[in-house]
Protein backbone atom coordinates (compact mmCIF):
# COMPACT_ATOMS: atom_id res chain seq x y z
CA MET A 1 7.88 -12.78 -15.41
CA LYS A 2 5.97 -11.79 -12.32
CA HIS A 3 4.72 -8.24 -11.87
CA ILE A 4 7.11 -5.97 -9.96
CA PRO A 5 5.23 -4.13 -7.19
CA TYR A 6 5.06 -0.35 -7.43
CA GLY A 7 7.98 1.19 -5.54
CA TYR A 8 10.57 -1.36 -6.63
CA LYS A 9 12.88 -1.90 -9.56
CA ILE A 10 14.98 -4.88 -10.59
CA VAL A 11 18.70 -4.24 -11.07
CA ASP A 12 20.91 -7.13 -12.16
CA GLY A 13 18.26 -9.60 -11.00
CA ILE A 14 17.97 -8.05 -7.53
CA ALA A 15 14.97 -6.09 -6.26
CA GLU A 16 15.84 -2.59 -5.15
CA ILE A 17 13.74 0.25 -3.80
CA ASP A 18 12.86 2.95 -6.33
CA GLU A 19 13.24 5.85 -3.91
CA GLU A 20 10.85 8.27 -5.64
CA LYS A 21 8.07 5.72 -6.02
CA ALA A 22 8.70 4.27 -2.55
CA GLU A 23 8.10 7.73 -1.06
CA GLN A 24 4.70 7.74 -2.78
CA VAL A 25 3.94 4.31 -1.29
CA LYS A 26 4.91 5.47 2.21
CA LEU A 27 2.83 8.62 1.79
CA LEU A 28 -0.15 6.57 0.59
CA PHE A 29 -0.11 4.44 3.74
CA THR A 30 0.31 7.56 5.90
CA ARG A 31 -2.47 9.54 4.22
CA PHE A 32 -4.87 6.60 4.52
CA LEU A 33 -4.11 6.35 8.24
CA GLU A 34 -4.71 10.09 8.54
CA GLY A 35 -8.27 9.51 7.33
CA GLU A 36 -8.14 10.08 3.60
CA SER A 37 -10.19 7.86 1.30
CA LEU A 38 -8.45 5.57 -1.16
CA ALA A 39 -9.08 7.93 -4.07
CA THR A 40 -8.10 11.07 -2.15
CA ALA A 41 -4.94 9.45 -0.77
CA SER A 42 -3.98 8.34 -4.27
CA LYS A 43 -4.39 11.85 -5.67
CA SER A 44 -2.54 13.49 -2.78
CA CYS A 45 0.41 11.14 -3.45
CA SER A 46 0.41 12.00 -7.16
CA LEU A 47 -0.60 8.45 -8.05
CA ASN A 48 -2.94 7.94 -10.96
CA PHE A 49 -4.43 4.67 -9.68
CA THR A 50 -7.98 3.45 -9.40
CA HIS A 51 -9.73 2.84 -6.09
CA SER A 52 -9.20 -0.92 -6.44
CA GLN A 53 -5.51 -0.58 -7.36
CA VAL A 54 -4.91 1.51 -4.24
CA GLY A 55 -6.83 -0.99 -2.12
CA ARG A 56 -4.64 -3.82 -3.41
CA MET A 57 -1.50 -1.81 -2.68
CA LEU A 58 -2.62 -1.30 0.92
CA GLU A 59 -3.18 -5.07 1.25
CA LYS A 60 0.26 -6.00 -0.07
CA LYS A 61 2.24 -7.32 2.90
CA GLY A 62 5.29 -7.50 0.64
CA TYR A 63 5.84 -3.79 1.26
CA CYS A 64 7.05 -4.87 4.72
CA GLY A 65 9.84 -6.80 3.01
CA ASP A 66 10.46 -10.47 2.31
CA GLU A 67 13.27 -12.68 1.04
CA PHE A 68 13.32 -10.86 -2.32
CA TYR A 69 11.95 -7.36 -1.76
CA PRO A 70 13.39 -4.91 0.79
CA ALA A 71 10.96 -3.23 3.20
CA ILE A 72 9.37 0.08 2.24
CA ILE A 73 7.03 0.32 5.23
CA SER A 74 7.14 -1.11 8.73
CA THR A 75 5.04 -4.07 9.79
CA GLU A 76 3.49 -1.79 12.42
CA ILE A 77 2.23 0.67 9.80
CA PHE A 78 0.96 -2.19 7.63
CA GLU A 79 -1.00 -3.67 10.56
CA GLN A 80 -2.45 -0.25 11.45
CA VAL A 81 -3.67 0.16 7.87
CA GLN A 82 -5.30 -3.29 7.93
CA GLU A 83 -7.09 -2.44 11.19
CA GLU A 84 -8.26 0.88 9.74
CA ARG A 85 -9.52 -0.81 6.57
CA LEU A 86 -11.50 -3.33 8.66
CA LYS A 87 -12.88 -0.52 10.84
CA ARG A 88 -14.03 1.47 7.80
CA ALA A 89 -15.54 -1.59 6.08
CA THR A 90 -17.44 -2.48 9.26
CA LYS A 91 -18.70 1.08 9.67
CA LEU A 92 -19.95 1.11 6.07
CA GLY A 93 -21.57 -2.32 6.37
CA ARG A 94 -19.34 -3.85 3.70
CA LEU A 95 -18.54 -7.07 5.50
CA ASN A 96 -20.44 -10.28 4.81
CA LYS A 97 -22.68 -11.10 7.73
CA SER A 98 -22.80 -14.87 7.44
């Protein structure tokens, strides 16, 4: 069985939003856009995730919804987060300069 993304639950074979956890996911995206680091955003959302786990969550386009999972965040918010991540990585010199 494939891993169920945080914020969802499976009921009778259908993916549904776990409202409590989905609120944490929404808050995570919002806090990151407000300027918090991955670790700080995770803590402020009461998530006990590592830096890399939070980074992977922010990269998961599935939170915008697909044929199986309902949307938790808008595509607009997702795109804003991706732009912010790129901006921060560039500023910190973390991109490969090939």
